[in-house]
Amino acid sequence: MSPSESRGERDAVFHPEFREDLRYWVETDRRTALRIFKLIEAVMRDPFQGAGKPERLKFLGSGVWSRRITQGNIVWFSYMKVSVTRRNYKTLT
């Protein structure tokens, strides 16, 4: 999927483990937690460009990307474009 196809409205769904990790960062290093929030906002604007050096993680499957939080930590996410049409869900590729 090209960056031009990535424009538009997006919804975020967070894994429960992500919430636990974020809680850890809020309690131990607020600066890193704020960086994570900024990266999430950047991903919501454009999954393929922006802060954190976006990188496709081929070994985890198609549509999986990462962004650097710190030198040794990343946040990874999957991107899928879905169209909803009259009670049917159709994944667009």
PDB file of N, CA and C in Angstrom:
ATOM      1  N   MET A   1       0.842  -1.164   0.000  1.00  0.00           N
ATOM      2  CA  MET A   1       0.000   0.000   0.000  1.00  0.00           C
ATOM      3  C   MET A   1       0.890   1.231   0.000  1.00  0.00           C
ATOM      4  N   SER A   2       0.617   2.171  -0.843  1.00  0.00           N
ATOM      5  CA  SER A   2       1.454   3.358  -0.972  1.00  0.00           C
ATOM      6  C   SER A   2       1.028   4.427   0.027  1.00  0.00           C
ATOM      7  N   PRO A   3       1.935   5.363   0.326  1.00  0.00           N
ATOM      8  CA  PRO A   3       1.584   6.446   1.245  1.00  0.00           C
ATOM      9  C   PRO A   3       0.364   7.239   0.791  1.00  0.00           C
ATOM     10  N   SER A   4       0.188   7.403  -0.511  1.00  0.00           N
ATOM     11  CA  SER A   4      -0.975   8.160  -0.988  1.00  0.00           C
ATOM     12  C   SER A   4      -2.281   7.437  -0.672  1.00  0.00           C
ATOM     13  N   GLU A   5      -2.237   6.105  -0.575  1.00  0.00           N
ATOM     14  CA  GLU A   5      -3.426   5.330  -0.237  1.00  0.00           C
ATOM     15  C   GLU A   5      -3.711   5.355   1.258  1.00  0.00           C
ATOM     16  N   SER A   6      -2.734   5.804   2.041  1.00  0.00           N
ATOM     17  CA  SER A   6      -2.877   5.747   3.488  1.00  0.00           C
ATOM     18  C   SER A   6      -3.635   6.931   4.061  1.00  0.00           C
ATOM     19  N   ARG A   7      -3.963   7.924   3.254  1.00  0.00           N
ATOM     20  CA  ARG A   7      -4.659   9.110   3.741  1.00  0.00           C
ATOM     21  C   ARG A   7      -6.114   8.761   4.062  1.00  0.00           C
ATOM     22  N   GLY A   8      -6.701   9.450   5.013  1.00  0.00           N
ATOM     23  CA  GLY A   8      -8.109   9.231   5.315  1.00  0.00           C
ATOM     24  C   GLY A   8      -8.326   8.958   6.787  1.00  0.00           C
ATOM     25  N   GLU A   9      -9.570   8.665   7.134  1.00  0.00           N
ATOM     26  CA  GLU A   9      -9.914   8.406   8.529  1.00  0.00           C
ATOM     27  C   GLU A   9      -9.366   7.064   8.976  1.00  0.00           C
ATOM     28  N   ARG A  10      -8.958   7.026  10.238  1.00  0.00           N
ATOM     29  CA  ARG A  10      -8.425   5.788  10.801  1.00  0.00           C
ATOM     30  C   ARG A  10      -8.984   5.585  12.201  1.00  0.00           C
ATOM     31  N   ASP A  11      -9.123   4.351  12.592  1.00  0.00           N
ATOM     32  CA  ASP A  11      -9.461   3.990  13.960  1.00  0.00           C
ATOM     33  C   ASP A  11      -8.297   3.207  14.525  1.00  0.00           C
ATOM     34  N   ALA A  12      -8.048   3.376  15.796  1.00  0.00           N
ATOM     35  CA  ALA A  12      -6.969   2.640  16.452  1.00  0.00           C
ATOM     36  C   ALA A  12      -7.571   1.609  17.400  1.00  0.00           C
ATOM     37  N   VAL A  13      -7.012   0.414  17.372  1.00  0.00           N
ATOM     38  CA  VAL A  13      -7.393  -0.649  18.295  1.00  0.00           C
ATOM     39  C   VAL A  13      -6.116  -1.072  18.999  1.00  0.00           C
ATOM     40  N   PHE A  14      -6.113  -1.001  20.331  1.00  0.00           N
ATOM     41  CA  PHE A  14      -4.906  -1.292  21.093  1.00  0.00           C
ATOM     42  C   PHE A  14      -5.007  -2.647  21.783  1.00  0.00           C
ATOM     43  N   HIS A  15      -3.960  -3.419  21.675  1.00  0.00           N
ATOM     44  CA  HIS A  15      -3.858  -4.717  22.335  1.00  0.00           C
ATOM     45  C   HIS A  15      -3.763  -4.477  23.847  1.00  0.00           C
ATOM     46  N   PRO A  16      -4.387  -5.335  24.668  1.00  0.00           N
ATOM     47  CA  PRO A  16      -4.295  -5.157  26.124  1.00  0.00           C
ATOM     48  C   PRO A  16      -2.847  -5.085  26.627  1.00  0.00           C
ATOM     49  N   GLU A  17      -1.959  -5.833  25.999  1.00  0.00           N
ATOM     50  CA  GLU A  17      -0.550  -5.801  26.391  1.00  0.00           C
ATOM     51  C   GLU A  17       0.059  -4.415  26.152  1.00  0.00           C
ATOM     52  N   PHE A  18      -0.379  -3.738  25.091  1.00  0.00           N
ATOM     53  CA  PHE A  18       0.096  -2.379  24.823  1.00  0.00           C
ATOM     54  C   PHE A  18      -0.298  -1.452  25.966  1.00  0.00           C
ATOM     55  N   ARG A  19      -1.527  -1.590  26.442  1.00  0.00           N
ATOM     56  CA  ARG A  19      -1.986  -0.739  27.544  1.00  0.00           C
ATOM     57  C   ARG A  19      -1.158  -0.972  28.800  1.00  0.00           C
ATOM     58  N   GLU A  20      -0.812  -2.230  29.066  1.00  0.00           N
ATOM     59  CA  GLU A  20       0.048  -2.532  30.216  1.00  0.00           C
ATOM     60  C   GLU A  20       1.420  -1.899  30.042  1.00  0.00           C
ATOM     61  N   ASP A  21       1.988  -2.009  28.838  1.00  0.00           N
ATOM     62  CA  ASP A  21       3.298  -1.411  28.565  1.00  0.00           C
ATOM     63  C   ASP A  21       3.246   0.104  28.704  1.00  0.00           C
ATOM     64  N   LEU A  22       2.192   0.713  28.202  1.00  0.00           N
ATOM     65  CA  LEU A  22       2.060   2.164  28.295  1.00  0.00           C
ATOM     66  C   LEU A  22       1.938   2.600  29.760  1.00  0.00           C
ATOM     67  N   ARG A  23       1.188   1.853  30.535  1.00  0.00           N
ATOM     68  CA  ARG A  23       1.064   2.150  31.969  1.00  0.00           C
ATOM     69  C   ARG A  23       2.443   2.103  32.635  1.00  0.00           C
ATOM     70  N   TYR A  24       3.255   1.115  32.266  1.00  0.00           N
ATOM     71  CA  TYR A  24       4.621   1.011  32.789  1.00  0.00           C
ATOM     72  C   TYR A  24       5.415   2.278  32.469  1.00  0.00           C
ATOM     73  N   TRP A  25       5.351   2.728  31.196  1.00  0.00           N
ATOM     74  CA  TRP A  25       6.120   3.911  30.800  1.00  0.00           C
ATOM     75  C   TRP A  25       5.618   5.161  31.507  1.00  0.00           C
ATOM     76  N   VAL A  26       4.314   5.281  31.701  1.00  0.00           N
ATOM     77  CA  VAL A  26       3.769   6.444  32.410  1.00  0.00           C
ATOM     78  C   VAL A  26       4.293   6.477  33.842  1.00  0.00           C
ATOM     79  N   GLU A  27       4.381   5.323  34.486  1.00  0.00           N
ATOM     80  CA  GLU A  27       4.834   5.254  35.877  1.00  0.00           C
ATOM     81  C   GLU A  27       6.340   5.401  36.025  1.00  0.00           C
ATOM     82  N   THR A  28       7.120   4.968  35.033  1.00  0.00           N
ATOM     83  CA  THR A  28       8.578   4.950  35.186  1.00  0.00           C
ATOM     84  C   THR A  28       9.312   6.028  34.397  1.00  0.00           C
ATOM     85  N   ASP A  29       8.756   6.461  33.272  1.00  0.00           N
ATOM     86  CA  ASP A  29       9.458   7.431  32.426  1.00  0.00           C
ATOM     87  C   ASP A  29       8.435   8.197  31.588  1.00  0.00           C
ATOM     88  N   ARG A  30       7.923   9.262  32.160  1.00  0.00           N
ATOM     89  CA  ARG A  30       6.866  10.034  31.489  1.00  0.00           C
ATOM     90  C   ARG A  30       7.313  10.598  30.146  1.00  0.00           C
ATOM     91  N   ARG A  31       8.584  10.917  30.018  1.00  0.00           N
ATOM     92  CA  ARG A  31       9.088  11.458  28.749  1.00  0.00           C
ATOM     93  C   ARG A  31       8.918  10.426  27.621  1.00  0.00           C
ATOM     94  N   THR A  32       9.245   9.180  27.916  1.00  0.00           N
ATOM     95  CA  THR A  32       9.065   8.113  26.928  1.00  0.00           C
ATOM     96  C   THR A  32       7.580   7.894  26.648  1.00  0.00           C
ATOM     97  N   ALA A  33       6.748   7.951  27.684  1.00  0.00           N
ATOM     98  CA  ALA A  33       5.300   7.796  27.494  1.00  0.00           C
ATOM     99  C   ALA A  33       4.760   8.883  26.566  1.00  0.00           C
ATOM    100  N   LEU A  34       5.214  10.118  26.741  1.00  0.00           N
ATOM    101  CA  LEU A  34       4.783  11.206  25.860  1.00  0.00           C
ATOM    102  C   LEU A  34       5.247  10.968  24.429  1.00  0.00           C
ATOM    103  N   ARG A  35       6.437  10.422  24.272  1.00  0.00           N
ATOM    104  CA  ARG A  35       6.943  10.098  22.928  1.00  0.00           C
ATOM    105  C   ARG A  35       6.041   9.043  22.272  1.00  0.00           C
ATOM    106  N   ILE A  36       5.606   8.066  23.044  1.00  0.00           N
ATOM    107  CA  ILE A  36       4.710   7.032  22.517  1.00  0.00           C
ATOM    108  C   ILE A  36       3.401   7.662  22.041  1.00  0.00           C
ATOM    109  N   PHE A  37       2.834   8.569  22.846  1.00  0.00           N
ATOM    110  CA  PHE A  37       1.602   9.247  22.433  1.00  0.00           C
ATOM    111  C   PHE A  37       1.805  10.018  21.132  1.00  0.00           C
ATOM    112  N   LYS A  38       2.944  10.693  21.004  1.00  0.00           N
ATOM    113  CA  LYS A  38       3.230  11.449  19.779  1.00  0.00           C
ATOM    114  C   LYS A  38       3.381  10.518  18.576  1.00  0.00           C
ATOM    115  N   LEU A  39       3.990   9.353  18.796  1.00  0.00           N
ATOM    116  CA  LEU A  39       4.131   8.390  17.698  1.00  0.00           C
ATOM    117  C   LEU A  39       2.773   7.845  17.268  1.00  0.00           C
ATOM    118  N   ILE A  40       1.892   7.603  18.230  1.00  0.00           N
ATOM    119  CA  ILE A  40       0.542   7.128  17.895  1.00  0.00           C
ATOM    120  C   ILE A  40      -0.177   8.175  17.049  1.00  0.00           C
ATOM    121  N   GLU A  41      -0.059   9.438  17.448  1.00  0.00           N
ATOM    122  CA  GLU A  41      -0.678  10.507  16.662  1.00  0.00           C
ATOM    123  C   GLU A  41      -0.096  10.554  15.253  1.00  0.00           C
ATOM    124  N   ALA A  42       1.215  10.370  15.137  1.00  0.00           N
ATOM    125  CA  ALA A  42       1.868  10.374  13.820  1.00  0.00           C
ATOM    126  C   ALA A  42       1.371   9.214  12.963  1.00  0.00           C
ATOM    127  N   VAL A  43       1.216   8.043  13.565  1.00  0.00           N
ATOM    128  CA  VAL A  43       0.710   6.871  12.831  1.00  0.00           C
ATOM    129  C   VAL A  43      -0.717   7.128  12.362  1.00  0.00           C
ATOM    130  N   MET A  44      -1.520   7.764  13.195  1.00  0.00           N
ATOM    131  CA  MET A  44      -2.902   8.050  12.816  1.00  0.00           C
ATOM    132  C   MET A  44      -2.963   9.031  11.642  1.00  0.00           C
ATOM    133  N   ARG A  45      -1.999   9.950  11.562  1.00  0.00           N
ATOM    134  CA  ARG A  45      -1.953  10.882  10.429  1.00  0.00           C
ATOM    135  C   ARG A  45      -1.486  10.182   9.162  1.00  0.00           C
ATOM    136  N   ASP A  46      -0.387   9.415   9.280  1.00  0.00           N
ATOM    137  CA  ASP A  46       0.189   8.732   8.121  1.00  0.00           C
ATOM    138  C   ASP A  46       1.018   7.555   8.623  1.00  0.00           C
ATOM    139  N   PRO A  47       0.556   6.327   8.406  1.00  0.00           N
ATOM    140  CA  PRO A  47       1.267   5.154   8.923  1.00  0.00           C
ATOM    141  C   PRO A  47       2.664   4.949   8.340  1.00  0.00           C
ATOM    142  N   PHE A  48       2.948   5.518   7.188  1.00  0.00           N
ATOM    143  CA  PHE A  48       4.170   5.185   6.469  1.00  0.00           C
ATOM    144  C   PHE A  48       5.240   6.267   6.476  1.00  0.00           C
ATOM    145  N   GLN A  49       4.936   7.437   6.991  1.00  0.00           N
ATOM    146  CA  GLN A  49       5.904   8.536   7.006  1.00  0.00           C
ATOM    147  C   GLN A  49       5.798   9.281   8.324  1.00  0.00           C
ATOM    148  N   GLY A  50       6.887   9.955   8.709  1.00  0.00           N
ATOM    149  CA  GLY A  50       6.839  10.801   9.893  1.00  0.00           C
ATOM    150  C   GLY A  50       7.864  10.407  10.934  1.00  0.00           C
ATOM    151  N   ALA A  51       7.602  10.797  12.161  1.00  0.00           N
ATOM    152  CA  ALA A  51       8.524  10.606  13.285  1.00  0.00           C
ATOM    153  C   ALA A  51       8.765   9.132  13.576  1.00  0.00           C
ATOM    154  N   GLY A  52       9.906   8.832  14.158  1.00  0.00           N
ATOM    155  CA  GLY A  52      10.200   7.485  14.628  1.00  0.00           C
ATOM    156  C   GLY A  52      10.742   6.527  13.596  1.00  0.00           C
ATOM    157  N   LYS A  53      11.148   7.007  12.452  1.00  0.00           N
ATOM    158  CA  LYS A  53      11.722   6.170  11.388  1.00  0.00           C
ATOM    159  C   LYS A  53      10.831   4.964  11.057  1.00  0.00           C
ATOM    160  N   PRO A  54       9.678   5.180  10.441  1.00  0.00           N
ATOM    161  CA  PRO A  54       8.793   4.061  10.090  1.00  0.00           C
ATOM    162  C   PRO A  54       9.533   3.004   9.264  1.00  0.00           C
ATOM    163  N   GLU A  55       9.330   1.753   9.649  1.00  0.00           N
ATOM    164  CA  GLU A  55      10.002   0.652   8.957  1.00  0.00           C
ATOM    165  C   GLU A  55       9.046  -0.525   8.843  1.00  0.00           C
ATOM    166  N   ARG A  56       8.957  -1.100   7.665  1.00  0.00           N
ATOM    167  CA  ARG A  56       8.111  -2.280   7.443  1.00  0.00           C
ATOM    168  C   ARG A  56       8.798  -3.496   8.050  1.00  0.00           C
ATOM    169  N   LEU A  57       8.062  -4.264   8.842  1.00  0.00           N
ATOM    170  CA  LEU A  57       8.604  -5.467   9.483  1.00  0.00           C
ATOM    171  C   LEU A  57       8.155  -6.686   8.687  1.00  0.00           C
ATOM    172  N   LYS A  58       8.886  -7.009   7.656  1.00  0.00           N
ATOM    173  CA  LYS A  58       8.515  -8.078   6.728  1.00  0.00           C
ATOM    174  C   LYS A  58       8.367  -9.429   7.419  1.00  0.00           C
ATOM    175  N   PHE A  59       9.205  -9.677   8.434  1.00  0.00           N
ATOM    176  CA  PHE A  59       9.199 -10.985   9.091  1.00  0.00           C
ATOM    177  C   PHE A  59       7.953 -11.218   9.938  1.00  0.00           C
ATOM    178  N   LEU A  60       7.148 -10.174  10.201  1.00  0.00           N
ATOM    179  CA  LEU A  60       5.911 -10.334  10.966  1.00  0.00           C
ATOM    180  C   LEU A  60       4.670 -10.381  10.080  1.00  0.00           C
ATOM    181  N   GLY A  61       4.857 -10.292   8.773  1.00  0.00           N
ATOM    182  CA  GLY A  61       3.727 -10.363   7.855  1.00  0.00           C
ATOM    183  C   GLY A  61       3.480  -9.044   7.155  1.00  0.00           C
ATOM    184  N   SER A  62       2.593  -9.080   6.192  1.00  0.00           N
ATOM    185  CA  SER A  62       2.327  -7.864   5.426  1.00  0.00           C
ATOM    186  C   SER A  62       1.523  -6.880   6.268  1.00  0.00           C
ATOM    187  N   GLY A  63       1.798  -5.627   6.080  1.00  0.00           N
ATOM    188  CA  GLY A  63       1.064  -4.584   6.782  1.00  0.00           C
ATOM    189  C   GLY A  63       1.535  -4.303   8.188  1.00  0.00           C
ATOM    190  N   VAL A  64       2.661  -4.903   8.613  1.00  0.00           N
ATOM    191  CA  VAL A  64       3.182  -4.665   9.962  1.00  0.00           C
ATOM    192  C   VAL A  64       4.359  -3.710   9.869  1.00  0.00           C
ATOM    193  N   TRP A  65       4.289  -2.625  10.637  1.00  0.00           N
ATOM    194  CA  TRP A  65       5.293  -1.570  10.618  1.00  0.00           C
ATOM    195  C   TRP A  65       5.743  -1.268  12.043  1.00  0.00           C
ATOM    196  N   SER A  66       6.876  -0.583  12.161  1.00  0.00           N
ATOM    197  CA  SER A  66       7.351  -0.155  13.477  1.00  0.00           C
ATOM    198  C   SER A  66       7.807   1.294  13.420  1.00  0.00           C
ATOM    199  N   ARG A  67       7.898   1.886  14.594  1.00  0.00           N
ATOM    200  CA  ARG A  67       8.500   3.210  14.771  1.00  0.00           C
ATOM    201  C   ARG A  67       9.322   3.156  16.051  1.00  0.00           C
ATOM    202  N   ARG A  68      10.453   3.862  16.033  1.00  0.00           N
ATOM    203  CA  ARG A  68      11.346   3.861  17.191  1.00  0.00           C
ATOM    204  C   ARG A  68      10.828   4.793  18.284  1.00  0.00           C
ATOM    205  N   ILE A  69      10.759   4.247  19.495  1.00  0.00           N
ATOM    206  CA  ILE A  69      10.442   5.058  20.666  1.00  0.00           C
ATOM    207  C   ILE A  69      11.752   5.626  21.207  1.00  0.00           C
ATOM    208  N   THR A  70      12.692   4.725  21.444  1.00  0.00           N
ATOM    209  CA  THR A  70      14.041   5.070  21.892  1.00  0.00           C
ATOM    210  C   THR A  70      15.003   4.231  21.062  1.00  0.00           C
ATOM    211  N   GLN A  71      16.282   4.337  21.358  1.00  0.00           N
ATOM    212  CA  GLN A  71      17.283   3.559  20.616  1.00  0.00           C
ATOM    213  C   GLN A  71      16.983   2.058  20.678  1.00  0.00           C
ATOM    214  N   GLY A  72      16.513   1.566  21.832  1.00  0.00           N
ATOM    215  CA  GLY A  72      16.299   0.130  21.993  1.00  0.00           C
ATOM    216  C   GLY A  72      14.854  -0.323  22.030  1.00  0.00           C
ATOM    217  N   ASN A  73      13.895   0.597  21.918  1.00  0.00           N
ATOM    218  CA  ASN A  73      12.479   0.233  22.012  1.00  0.00           C
ATOM    219  C   ASN A  73      11.719   0.714  20.789  1.00  0.00           C
ATOM    220  N   ILE A  74      10.776  -0.118  20.350  1.00  0.00           N
ATOM    221  CA  ILE A  74       9.935   0.263  19.211  1.00  0.00           C
ATOM    222  C   ILE A  74       8.474   0.069  19.577  1.00  0.00           C
ATOM    223  N   VAL A  75       7.625   0.755  18.867  1.00  0.00           N
ATOM    224  CA  VAL A  75       6.199   0.477  18.895  1.00  0.00           C
ATOM    225  C   VAL A  75       5.893  -0.094  17.514  1.00  0.00           C
ATOM    226  N   TRP A  76       5.191  -1.219  17.466  1.00  0.00           N
ATOM    227  CA  TRP A  76       4.860  -1.779  16.160  1.00  0.00           C
ATOM    228  C   TRP A  76       3.349  -1.820  16.020  1.00  0.00           C
ATOM    229  N   PHE A  77       2.931  -1.738  14.780  1.00  0.00           N
ATOM    230  CA  PHE A  77       1.505  -1.673  14.500  1.00  0.00           C
ATOM    231  C   PHE A  77       1.226  -2.354  13.176  1.00  0.00           C
ATOM    232  N   SER A  78      -0.002  -2.785  13.013  1.00  0.00           N
ATOM    233  CA  SER A  78      -0.407  -3.322  11.717  1.00  0.00           C
ATOM    234  C   SER A  78      -1.412  -2.356  11.116  1.00  0.00           C
ATOM    235  N   TYR A  79      -1.382  -2.293   9.802  1.00  0.00           N
ATOM    236  CA  TYR A  79      -2.253  -1.377   9.080  1.00  0.00           C
ATOM    237  C   TYR A  79      -3.090  -2.191   8.112  1.00  0.00           C
ATOM    238  N   MET A  80      -4.401  -1.979   8.172  1.00  0.00           N
ATOM    239  CA  MET A  80      -5.294  -2.668   7.255  1.00  0.00           C
ATOM    240  C   MET A  80      -6.386  -1.693   6.837  1.00  0.00           C
ATOM    241  N   LYS A  81      -6.635  -1.637   5.564  1.00  0.00           N
ATOM    242  CA  LYS A  81      -7.701  -0.786   5.043  1.00  0.00           C
ATOM    243  C   LYS A  81      -8.923  -1.670   4.836  1.00  0.00           C
ATOM    244  N   VAL A  82     -10.030  -1.293   5.453  1.00  0.00           N
ATOM    245  CA  VAL A  82     -11.246  -2.101   5.379  1.00  0.00           C
ATOM    246  C   VAL A  82     -12.392  -1.234   4.874  1.00  0.00           C
ATOM    247  N   SER A  83     -13.173  -1.799   4.000  1.00  0.00           N
ATOM    248  CA  SER A  83     -14.358  -1.117   3.481  1.00  0.00           C
ATOM    249  C   SER A  83     -15.593  -1.831   4.025  1.00  0.00           C
ATOM    250  N   VAL A  84     -16.571  -1.077   4.486  1.00  0.00           N
ATOM    251  CA  VAL A  84     -17.806  -1.666   4.994  1.00  0.00           C
ATOM    252  C   VAL A  84     -18.922  -1.336   4.009  1.00  0.00           C
ATOM    253  N   THR A  85     -19.568  -2.382   3.511  1.00  0.00           N
ATOM    254  CA  THR A  85     -20.622  -2.196   2.522  1.00  0.00           C
ATOM    255  C   THR A  85     -21.831  -3.047   2.871  1.00  0.00           C
ATOM    256  N   ARG A  86     -22.925  -2.452   3.181  1.00  0.00           N
ATOM    257  CA  ARG A  86     -24.180  -3.161   3.482  1.00  0.00           C
ATOM    258  C   ARG A  86     -24.001  -4.437   4.287  1.00  0.00           C
ATOM    259  N   ARG A  87     -23.531  -4.303   5.485  1.00  0.00           N
ATOM    260  CA  ARG A  87     -23.361  -5.416   6.423  1.00  0.00           C
ATOM    261  C   ARG A  87     -22.303  -6.427   6.014  1.00  0.00           C
ATOM    262  N   ASN A  88     -21.528  -6.143   5.003  1.00  0.00           N
ATOM    263  CA  ASN A  88     -20.438  -7.030   4.604  1.00  0.00           C
ATOM    264  C   ASN A  88     -19.122  -6.299   4.800  1.00  0.00           C
ATOM    265  N   TYR A  89     -18.139  -6.998   5.318  1.00  0.00           N
ATOM    266  CA  TYR A  89     -16.812  -6.427   5.485  1.00  0.00           C
ATOM    267  C   TYR A  89     -15.939  -6.959   4.368  1.00  0.00           C
ATOM    268  N   LYS A  90     -15.244  -6.075   3.713  1.00  0.00           N
ATOM    269  CA  LYS A  90     -14.384  -6.487   2.615  1.00  0.00           C
ATOM    270  C   LYS A  90     -13.025  -5.830   2.797  1.00  0.00           C
ATOM    271  N   THR A  91     -11.976  -6.619   2.933  1.00  0.00           N
ATOM    272  CA  THR A  91     -10.633  -6.082   3.067  1.00  0.00           C
ATOM    273  C   THR A  91     -10.126  -5.674   1.699  1.00  0.00           C
ATOM    274  N   LEU A  92      -9.618  -4.468   1.619  1.00  0.00           N
ATOM    275  CA  LEU A  92      -9.063  -3.965   0.365  1.00  0.00           C
ATOM    276  C   LEU A  92      -7.571  -4.213   0.343  1.00  0.00           C
ATOM    277  N   THR A  93      -7.048  -4.669  -0.769  1.00  0.00           N
ATOM    278  CA  THR A  93      -5.606  -4.868  -0.887  1.00  0.00           C
ATOM    279  C   THR A  93      -5.045  -4.021  -1.986  1.00  0.00           C
TER     280      THR A  93
END
